[in-house]
Structure formats: structure tokens, C-alpha cells
Amino acid sequence: MFSSRLPDALGPNALAAAVDRLRTSGTPFIDLTVTNPTASSVGIPYPSSILSALSSSSALQYTPEPFGMAIARDAVSREYARQGSRVPSNRIVLTSSSSEAYALLFKLLCDSGDEVLIPQPSYPLFDLLSRLEDVRAVPYRLEEHAGWSIDRASVERALSAKTRAILVVSPNNPTGSIISREDSAWLAGVASARGIAIIADEVFADYRLSINSDTIIDSPIIDALNFRLGGLSKSAGLPQVKLGWIAVDGPDALVAAALERLELICDTYLSVATPVQVAAASLIEGGAAVRAAILARMRQNLGTLKTLVAGRSDVTLLEPSAGWSVVIRVPATEPEEQMVLRLLNDRHVLVHPGYFFDFAREAFLVMSLLPEESVFAEGAARVLAR
């Protein structure tokens, strides 16, 4: 009766089940996996008026635009300019989320059974997003040698006649790595030569933990058709208002052809609500204070973790350049799943195992840098006490 694009097993995994048991029993635990900046337990200060523009009477008039209202796309264009990148508003497509952006782009680029290359380790949602569009996700590796870089041989092995796009996540989630200029230029050459597109997820671009890092924003891809993803969920800490965007770039003829086809797809759905488009400029402006508070929190917690691991030979901090997460390598004395379950049940602290993000080997633990400072310090101390 149901689509084969959905997973066969929909039940909770062992870690999720253990979390449910603790919550049901009322047992408190420290959650070092939280990624919702609006959660009361996180304590990020928000301006009291930040959502007031959503009540503008201008939103009562519905003026559907496939790519979104001009005033909203102009605001996003100015946001790119703030980041040091020139993106004309007529090359910006508004979406309700990054996930929807991926769905639109897979519809644009792929037929049933076509392939997109996805990085590993990285966010685990790509397999499901591609599967829902009847597209096959083929992994390529990131390798860690005093910093993360693209394993170019793995990209070349993954490419096939069915490849339609290469996904880049920069800054990466969870490694916090930023694609180098050299890797960016190499990928652009590969994509241009094969006539495939690059999809660059840049949602964490504002959260540089190291000020000396290159970023894909500083070195735009001009030789291949490319799509850059951003949104208010991360840039302004507003996941609940549901506004994302795609910036389309590359050779003019390819950009024009892509926009023509995207217009038809977007006109079919018209998913972005009018109030958030009317309020976009105000939300982006108000989000600056939230962004600054989140970045300060990230840097504080990363500094705390550095202090905790200093001088230890059994724990390696894989220091992130940007983003909301941090990865530590620990001795592989037991399977990662058993390790995180033991931490949850015995130490009452929740972290992600590395295999959630398709790390090539064990043992890695992934922690969010978002929790309140004292909570993060206590939780990290419990993890390291193991």
C-alpha cells in the first residue's frame, strides 16, 4: 500500500528508546545533542520584538511569486553582501527550509534512479531526502589529517553516468570543517567537465570559530552550475519561521535554463508564507543579535572543552573551524552505540555516536556547542570522566 521510498523500519533506535525511558521515568539528564536555539533550556536571548514584523497588515494581501516576493529576495541579496558575496536578487529562490531546497533541486536535476554524491561524515538526512525523490545518494569521503579535506579519489570512484550533482556541506555538520579553496576549485573542474551541478549547503557560514578559515563563500564557483543554500534557521536562530533560500550561480546560459525550470517547480508549490516574506528584512536584521549570542556561546563552550581535554593522551579534540558541533575521538574500547548508551544510563549525559554521521571508523562522539555554558561544562566533564 505504501511507497517503497520510505524506510521499512520506522521504530526508534536503541538510543532514542533509552532517551524515552529516561524521560518517562522523570530521570534528568544533560542533553549535549540539542540543536534548537529557541529551547528554553538553551537560554539564548532573543529581542522581544524580533517576530513583530510577522503581524504586518501587508501580509493580508496574497501576491504569489514562484521565487518569492522581491522585497524578501532583496533582503537575502543584502545578506549575501554582508557575508562578502555578490548575489543578485533575481538569482535567489526562496524556500520554506533547506530540506525543501534539496527536494526542489533534486526535482530540477534528477530523473528517477539518478545519483547525487554526498559527503561522509556529514548530516544523516541526505539519504532520506534523496530517497524521497527517488534519487540515489552515493557517498564520497572526507579524510582527517590535521584537518578535513575531500578524498578526491573517493569522488572519482563515486562518479558515474548517472551522477547529476555533488553535495558540499561547508561548514560541515558535524565536523565543522570548511572546504578549502583548492578542493572547491577541483570540484568545480570536475562538475564543469562532466556537466553536473554543485549543491553547496552553507547554513552554518556565519559561525566561524576560527577567523583564519577559507570558506566557499570567499571563492564562488563560476565554471559550473551551482546552488548555495542558506536560511534563517541557523543564520538568525529562527528555525520556527521557516524561511530558506537558494542562490543560483555559474555560467549565464546554465543559470538561465535552471531558473526557467525552477520557476515552474516553485510555481507548482508556492510553499513560502506571505507573512515571513514581508517580514524577511526585519527578521534578518533582528537575527544579528541572536547570531552574535549563539556564536559567543559556541566559542565559550569550545574553549571549555579545550581546557578539559588539554594534556590528555586518550582523547583527541577534532577542533572545528565553524558550525554548532564538535567531535572528539576516544579509545574504541567498546562499540559506539554501547558507549553512548552507557554514558546516558550511567552518567546521565546524551551525546551522538559517530556512526550517526557515517564516520569511517570508531570511536567518535559528537556534541552540540549550543547548550548553556554551565550545562555544557558539566556534561562534557561527565563524558570525559568515563
Protein backbone atom coordinates (compact mmCIF):
# COMPACT_ATOMS: atom_id res chain seq x y z
CA MET A 1 0.00 0.00 0.00
CA PHE A 2 2.81 2.44 0.86
CA SER A 3 5.70 3.83 -1.15
CA SER A 4 8.99 1.95 -1.21
CA ARG A 5 10.73 5.32 -0.94
CA LEU A 6 10.01 5.19 2.80
CA PRO A 7 12.21 3.12 5.16
CA ASP A 8 10.93 -0.29 6.13
CA ALA A 9 11.75 0.19 9.83
CA LEU A 10 10.19 3.28 11.39
CA GLY A 11 10.65 2.49 15.07
CA PRO A 12 13.09 4.26 17.41
CA ASN A 13 16.71 3.12 17.56
CA ALA A 14 18.25 1.90 20.81
CA LEU A 15 19.50 5.35 21.83
CA ALA A 16 16.16 7.05 21.15
CA ALA A 17 14.38 4.33 23.12
CA ALA A 18 16.75 4.84 26.06
CA VAL A 19 16.09 8.59 25.98
CA ASP A 20 12.33 7.95 26.01
CA ARG A 21 12.70 5.67 29.04
CA LEU A 22 14.58 8.31 31.00
CA ARG A 23 12.07 11.00 30.10
CA THR A 24 9.14 8.75 31.00
CA SER A 25 10.69 7.95 34.37
CA GLY A 26 11.43 11.61 35.06
CA THR A 27 15.18 11.00 35.32
CA PRO A 28 17.08 14.21 34.50
CA PHE A 29 19.96 14.07 32.05
CA ILE A 30 22.18 16.55 30.23
CA ASP A 31 21.41 16.78 26.53
CA LEU A 32 24.55 17.54 24.53
CA THR A 33 22.73 16.86 21.26
CA VAL A 34 20.37 19.87 21.40
CA THR A 35 20.35 21.91 18.19
CA ASN A 36 17.28 24.09 18.80
CA PRO A 37 18.41 27.59 19.80
CA THR A 38 14.87 28.54 20.84
CA ALA A 39 14.72 25.82 23.53
CA SER A 40 14.26 27.32 26.99
CA SER A 41 16.98 25.04 28.33
CA VAL A 42 19.49 26.65 25.94
CA GLY A 43 18.81 30.17 27.15
CA ILE A 44 19.79 32.19 24.08
CA PRO A 45 18.43 35.77 24.50
CA TYR A 46 16.06 36.90 21.76
CA PRO A 47 14.94 40.51 21.20
CA SER A 48 11.34 40.76 22.40
CA SER A 49 10.25 42.37 19.16
CA ILE A 50 12.03 40.06 16.76
CA LEU A 51 8.82 38.47 15.44
CA SER A 52 6.69 41.62 15.47
CA ALA A 53 7.05 42.18 11.72
CA LEU A 54 5.15 38.94 11.11
CA SER A 55 1.95 40.77 12.09
CA SER A 56 2.28 43.42 9.38
CA SER A 57 -1.01 44.19 7.65
CA SER A 58 0.86 43.96 4.33
CA ALA A 59 0.76 40.19 4.73
CA LEU A 60 -3.03 40.20 4.31
CA GLN A 61 -2.60 40.65 0.56
CA TYR A 62 -1.58 37.44 -1.18
CA THR A 63 0.69 38.07 -4.16
CA PRO A 64 2.10 34.68 -5.15
CA GLU A 65 5.55 34.73 -6.75
CA PRO A 66 7.26 31.45 -7.72
CA PHE A 67 10.69 32.57 -6.45
CA GLY A 68 9.30 34.67 -3.60
CA MET A 69 8.48 38.34 -3.18
CA ALA A 70 11.01 40.86 -4.44
CA ILE A 71 11.34 42.59 -1.06
CA ALA A 72 12.33 39.29 0.57
CA ARG A 73 14.78 38.30 -2.16
CA ASP A 74 16.33 41.77 -1.99
CA ALA A 75 16.83 41.26 1.75
CA VAL A 76 18.56 37.93 1.13
CA SER A 77 20.75 39.55 -1.52
CA ARG A 78 21.84 42.14 1.04
CA GLU A 79 22.57 39.32 3.47
CA TYR A 80 24.95 37.74 0.97
CA ALA A 81 26.59 41.13 0.53
CA ARG A 82 27.13 41.29 4.30
CA GLN A 83 28.94 37.97 4.04
CA GLY A 84 31.13 39.35 1.26
CA SER A 85 29.41 37.73 -1.72
CA ARG A 86 27.51 39.36 -4.58
CA VAL A 87 24.28 37.53 -5.46
CA PRO A 88 21.67 39.45 -7.48
CA SER A 89 18.14 39.07 -6.14
CA ASN A 90 16.94 37.70 -9.50
CA ARG A 91 19.13 34.65 -8.87
CA ILE A 92 17.65 33.95 -5.42
CA VAL A 93 14.87 31.41 -4.86
CA LEU A 94 13.02 31.37 -1.54
CA THR A 95 12.05 28.08 0.13
CA SER A 96 10.44 27.09 3.39
CA SER A 97 13.54 25.20 4.55
CA SER A 98 16.85 23.71 3.48
CA SER A 99 15.17 20.32 3.22
CA GLU A 100 12.67 21.73 0.75
CA ALA A 101 15.55 23.34 -1.15
CA TYR A 102 17.14 19.92 -1.60
CA ALA A 103 13.82 18.47 -2.75
CA LEU A 104 13.38 21.24 -5.34
CA LEU A 105 16.92 20.80 -6.64
CA PHE A 106 16.62 17.03 -6.88
CA LYS A 107 13.42 17.54 -8.89
CA LEU A 108 15.26 20.01 -11.11
CA LEU A 109 18.37 17.95 -11.75
CA CYS A 110 17.43 14.29 -11.47
CA ASP A 111 15.30 11.65 -13.10
CA SER A 112 14.22 8.56 -11.21
CA GLY A 113 17.28 6.47 -10.34
CA ASP A 114 19.81 9.24 -10.94
CA GLU A 115 22.58 9.83 -8.39
CA VAL A 116 23.88 12.62 -6.21
CA LEU A 117 27.20 12.47 -4.38
CA ILE A 118 27.05 13.20 -0.66
CA PRO A 119 29.93 13.72 1.80
CA GLN A 120 30.69 11.39 4.69
CA PRO A 121 30.89 12.14 7.53
CA SER A 122 28.03 14.61 7.37
CA TYR A 123 24.43 15.22 8.33
CA PRO A 124 22.46 11.94 8.12
CA LEU A 125 19.34 13.42 6.50
CA PHE A 126 20.63 13.27 2.92
CA ASP A 127 19.89 9.57 2.43
CA LEU A 128 16.21 10.07 3.24
CA LEU A 129 15.86 13.35 1.34
CA SER A 130 17.25 11.76 -1.81
CA ARG A 131 15.26 8.56 -1.34
CA LEU A 132 12.01 10.51 -1.07
CA GLU A 133 12.77 11.99 -4.50
CA ASP A 134 13.64 8.54 -5.91
CA VAL A 135 17.29 9.60 -6.22
CA ARG A 136 20.25 7.50 -5.10
CA ALA A 137 22.74 9.04 -2.67
CA VAL A 138 26.30 7.88 -3.35
CA PRO A 139 28.89 8.73 -0.67
CA TYR A 140 32.32 10.24 -1.03
CA ARG A 141 34.72 10.57 1.87
CA LEU A 142 36.18 13.42 3.82
CA GLU A 143 39.55 12.49 5.30
CA GLU A 144 41.01 13.84 8.52
CA HIS A 145 44.73 14.55 8.59
CA ALA A 146 45.31 17.53 10.88
CA GLY A 147 42.13 18.95 9.33
CA TRP A 148 39.44 17.69 6.97
CA SER A 149 39.73 17.60 3.20
CA ILE A 150 37.96 15.90 0.32
CA ASP A 151 39.21 12.44 -0.55
CA ARG A 152 39.40 13.13 -4.28
CA ALA A 153 39.92 9.50 -5.19
CA SER A 154 36.64 8.62 -3.46
CA VAL A 155 34.84 11.30 -5.51
CA GLU A 156 36.25 9.89 -8.73
CA ARG A 157 35.19 6.37 -7.72
CA ALA A 158 31.68 7.57 -6.90
CA LEU A 159 31.10 9.40 -10.17
CA SER A 160 29.06 7.58 -12.82
CA ALA A 161 26.99 8.26 -15.91
CA LYS A 162 24.01 8.78 -13.59
CA THR A 163 25.66 11.44 -11.39
CA ARG A 164 23.72 14.70 -11.54
CA ALA A 165 25.10 16.70 -8.60
CA ILE A 166 27.79 16.81 -5.94
CA LEU A 167 26.73 17.97 -2.49
CA VAL A 168 29.13 20.06 -0.41
CA VAL A 169 28.41 21.00 3.20
CA SER A 170 30.61 23.91 4.22
CA PRO A 171 30.83 24.36 7.15
CA ASN A 172 30.25 20.67 7.59
CA ASN A 173 27.89 19.24 10.18
CA PRO A 174 29.23 17.76 12.44
CA THR A 175 32.96 18.11 11.70
CA GLY A 176 32.89 21.91 11.50
CA SER A 177 35.28 21.78 8.56
CA ILE A 178 35.25 24.32 5.74
CA ILE A 179 36.02 23.35 2.17
CA SER A 180 39.39 24.67 1.06
CA ARG A 181 39.84 26.89 -1.97
CA GLU A 182 41.82 24.09 -3.61
CA ASP A 183 39.12 21.48 -3.08
CA SER A 184 36.44 23.95 -4.21
CA ALA A 185 38.31 24.69 -7.44
CA TRP A 186 38.92 20.98 -8.06
CA LEU A 187 35.24 20.12 -7.58
CA ALA A 188 34.25 22.95 -9.92
CA GLY A 189 36.53 21.50 -12.57
CA VAL A 190 35.06 18.02 -12.13
CA ALA A 191 31.50 19.32 -12.28
CA SER A 192 32.15 21.53 -15.31
CA ALA A 193 33.86 18.77 -17.25
CA ARG A 194 31.02 16.31 -16.61
CA GLY A 195 28.12 18.74 -16.95
CA ILE A 196 26.87 18.20 -13.40
CA ALA A 197 25.90 20.68 -10.69
CA ILE A 198 27.26 21.50 -7.26
CA ILE A 199 24.89 21.98 -4.32
CA ALA A 200 26.66 23.85 -1.51
CA ASP A 201 24.97 23.84 1.90
CA GLU A 202 26.25 26.95 3.71
CA VAL A 203 23.71 27.23 6.52
CA PHE A 204 26.41 27.46 9.22
CA ALA A 205 28.50 30.02 7.31
CA ASP A 206 28.06 32.73 9.95
CA TYR A 207 29.52 30.64 12.76
CA ARG A 208 33.25 30.72 12.19
CA LEU A 209 35.03 29.53 15.29
CA SER A 210 38.37 30.22 13.63
CA ILE A 211 38.79 33.62 11.97
CA ASN A 212 41.57 32.37 9.70
CA SER A 213 39.45 29.93 7.70
CA ASP A 214 38.71 29.97 3.99
CA THR A 215 35.13 29.36 3.00
CA ILE A 216 33.28 28.55 -0.18
CA ILE A 217 31.61 31.97 0.14
CA ASP A 218 35.01 33.62 -0.37
CA SER A 219 35.71 31.60 -3.50
CA PRO A 220 32.49 31.27 -5.53
CA ILE A 221 32.29 28.58 -8.17
CA ILE A 222 31.92 30.20 -11.59
CA ASP A 223 32.74 27.38 -14.00
CA ALA A 224 29.90 25.03 -13.05
CA LEU A 225 26.21 25.41 -12.32
CA ASN A 226 25.93 25.70 -8.54
CA PHE A 227 23.30 26.23 -5.90
CA ARG A 228 24.12 27.69 -2.49
CA LEU A 229 21.74 27.08 0.40
CA GLY A 230 21.10 29.31 3.41
CA GLY A 231 18.27 30.24 5.74
CA LEU A 232 17.03 31.90 8.91
CA SER A 233 17.04 28.64 10.87
CA LYS A 234 20.76 28.96 11.52
CA SER A 235 21.76 32.47 10.39
CA ALA A 236 19.24 34.13 12.72
CA GLY A 237 18.48 31.25 15.09
CA LEU A 238 14.87 31.17 13.90
CA PRO A 239 14.00 27.60 12.83
CA GLN A 240 10.33 28.18 13.57
CA VAL A 241 9.73 30.91 10.96
CA LYS A 242 10.57 28.59 8.04
CA LEU A 243 12.48 30.67 5.52
CA GLY A 244 15.37 29.33 3.48
CA TRP A 245 16.87 30.24 0.14
CA ILE A 246 18.84 29.05 -2.86
CA ALA A 247 21.37 31.26 -4.63
CA VAL A 248 21.90 30.15 -8.23
CA ASP A 249 25.25 30.82 -9.91
CA GLY A 250 27.50 29.63 -12.69
CA PRO A 251 27.67 30.14 -16.46
CA ASP A 252 24.89 32.51 -17.55
CA ALA A 253 23.28 30.12 -20.03
CA LEU A 254 23.05 27.32 -17.45
CA VAL A 255 21.75 29.70 -14.79
CA ALA A 256 19.02 30.95 -17.12
CA ALA A 257 17.98 27.39 -18.02
CA ALA A 258 17.94 26.33 -14.38
CA LEU A 259 15.89 29.33 -13.26
CA GLU A 260 13.37 28.78 -16.04
CA ARG A 261 12.76 25.24 -14.85
CA LEU A 262 12.87 26.11 -11.16
CA GLU A 263 10.18 28.71 -11.78
CA LEU A 264 7.79 26.01 -12.96
CA ILE A 265 8.58 23.76 -9.98
CA CYS A 266 8.24 26.56 -7.43
CA ASP A 267 5.04 27.87 -9.03
CA THR A 268 3.56 24.41 -8.55
CA TYR A 269 4.09 24.52 -4.77
CA LEU A 270 4.21 28.19 -3.66
CA SER A 271 5.22 27.00 -0.21
CA VAL A 272 6.68 30.13 1.41
CA ALA A 273 4.13 32.02 3.53
CA THR A 274 3.49 35.70 2.78
CA PRO A 275 3.99 36.97 6.38
CA VAL A 276 7.54 35.65 6.58
CA GLN A 277 8.38 37.17 3.20
CA VAL A 278 7.03 40.56 4.21
CA ALA A 279 9.00 40.32 7.46
CA ALA A 280 12.20 38.92 5.91
CA ALA A 281 14.27 42.11 6.07
CA SER A 282 13.28 42.73 9.68
CA LEU A 283 13.88 39.11 10.68
CA ILE A 284 17.33 39.11 9.09
CA GLU A 285 18.22 42.39 10.82
CA GLY A 286 16.87 41.25 14.19
CA GLY A 287 18.66 37.95 13.87
CA ALA A 288 22.05 39.65 14.04
CA ALA A 289 21.85 39.90 17.82
CA VAL A 290 20.76 36.29 18.13
CA ARG A 291 23.58 35.19 15.82
CA ALA A 292 26.11 37.05 17.92
CA ALA A 293 24.82 35.43 21.12
CA ILE A 294 24.94 31.95 19.57
CA LEU A 295 28.47 32.49 18.26
CA ALA A 296 29.65 33.70 21.66
CA ARG A 297 28.11 30.58 23.24
CA MET A 298 29.86 28.32 20.72
CA ARG A 299 33.24 29.87 21.32
CA GLN A 300 32.83 29.73 25.09
CA ASN A 301 31.87 26.08 25.09
CA LEU A 302 34.62 25.15 22.66
CA GLY A 303 37.11 26.90 24.93
CA THR A 304 35.79 24.93 27.90
CA LEU A 305 36.22 21.65 26.03
CA LYS A 306 39.75 22.58 25.02
CA THR A 307 40.60 23.12 28.67
CA LEU A 308 39.05 19.82 29.69
CA VAL A 309 40.98 17.77 27.14
CA ALA A 310 44.27 19.62 27.49
CA GLY A 311 47.11 17.26 28.35
CA ARG A 312 45.06 14.12 27.84
CA SER A 313 46.50 11.43 25.61
CA ASP A 314 43.34 9.31 25.47
CA VAL A 315 41.05 11.97 23.95
CA THR A 316 41.59 13.94 20.73
CA LEU A 317 39.61 17.09 20.04
CA LEU A 318 38.98 17.48 16.30
CA GLU A 319 38.75 21.24 16.50
CA PRO A 320 36.02 22.68 14.26
CA SER A 321 36.56 25.77 12.14
CA ALA A 322 32.88 26.69 12.18
CA GLY A 323 29.41 25.40 13.00
CA TRP A 324 27.45 24.26 16.02
CA SER A 325 29.06 20.89 16.78
CA VAL A 326 32.32 19.43 17.99
CA VAL A 327 33.80 15.96 17.57
CA ILE A 328 36.12 14.10 19.91
CA ARG A 329 37.95 10.85 19.22
CA VAL A 330 38.07 8.45 22.16
CA PRO A 331 39.55 4.97 22.64
CA ALA A 332 37.47 2.33 20.83
CA THR A 333 37.18 0.08 23.89
CA GLU A 334 33.57 -0.78 23.05
CA PRO A 335 31.14 -0.17 20.16
CA GLU A 336 29.98 3.44 19.89
CA GLU A 337 26.35 2.55 20.48
CA GLN A 338 27.22 0.74 23.70
CA MET A 339 29.42 3.65 24.72
CA VAL A 340 26.75 6.33 24.30
CA LEU A 341 24.12 4.14 25.97
CA ARG A 342 26.46 3.68 28.93
CA LEU A 343 27.04 7.44 29.11
CA LEU A 344 23.30 8.05 29.05
CA ASN A 345 22.29 5.37 31.55
CA ASP A 346 25.22 5.66 33.95
CA ARG A 347 26.39 9.28 33.59
CA HIS A 348 23.05 10.75 32.51
CA VAL A 349 24.54 12.66 29.59
CA LEU A 350 23.41 12.32 25.98
CA VAL A 351 25.81 12.59 23.02
CA HIS A 352 25.70 11.38 19.43
CA PRO A 353 27.77 8.39 18.31
CA GLY A 354 29.94 8.99 15.27
CA TYR A 355 28.18 6.31 13.23
CA PHE A 356 25.07 8.51 13.11
CA PHE A 357 27.11 10.73 10.78
CA ASP A 358 28.85 7.91 8.89
CA PHE A 359 32.33 8.29 10.29
CA ALA A 360 34.54 5.72 8.63
CA ARG A 361 35.66 4.09 11.86
CA GLU A 362 35.16 4.20 15.62
CA ALA A 363 35.21 5.76 18.13
CA PHE A 364 33.93 9.31 17.76
CA LEU A 365 31.50 11.24 19.92
CA VAL A 366 29.64 14.31 18.66
CA MET A 367 28.45 17.08 20.97
CA SER A 368 26.48 20.26 20.32
CA LEU A 369 28.14 23.53 21.31
CA LEU A 370 24.72 25.14 21.84
CA PRO A 371 23.85 24.23 25.48
CA GLU A 372 24.09 26.80 28.24
CA GLU A 373 27.71 27.18 29.37
CA SER A 374 27.49 25.56 32.78
CA VAL A 375 25.37 22.70 31.41
CA PHE A 376 27.87 22.07 28.63
CA ALA A 377 30.80 22.15 31.06
CA GLU A 378 29.15 19.63 33.38
CA GLY A 379 28.06 17.38 30.53
CA ALA A 380 31.45 17.40 28.85
CA ALA A 381 33.13 16.66 32.19
CA ARG A 382 30.86 13.63 32.65
CA VAL A 383 31.73 12.36 29.17
CA LEU A 384 35.45 12.75 29.75
CA ALA A 385 35.28 11.24 33.23
CA ARG A 386 34.43 7.95 31.59
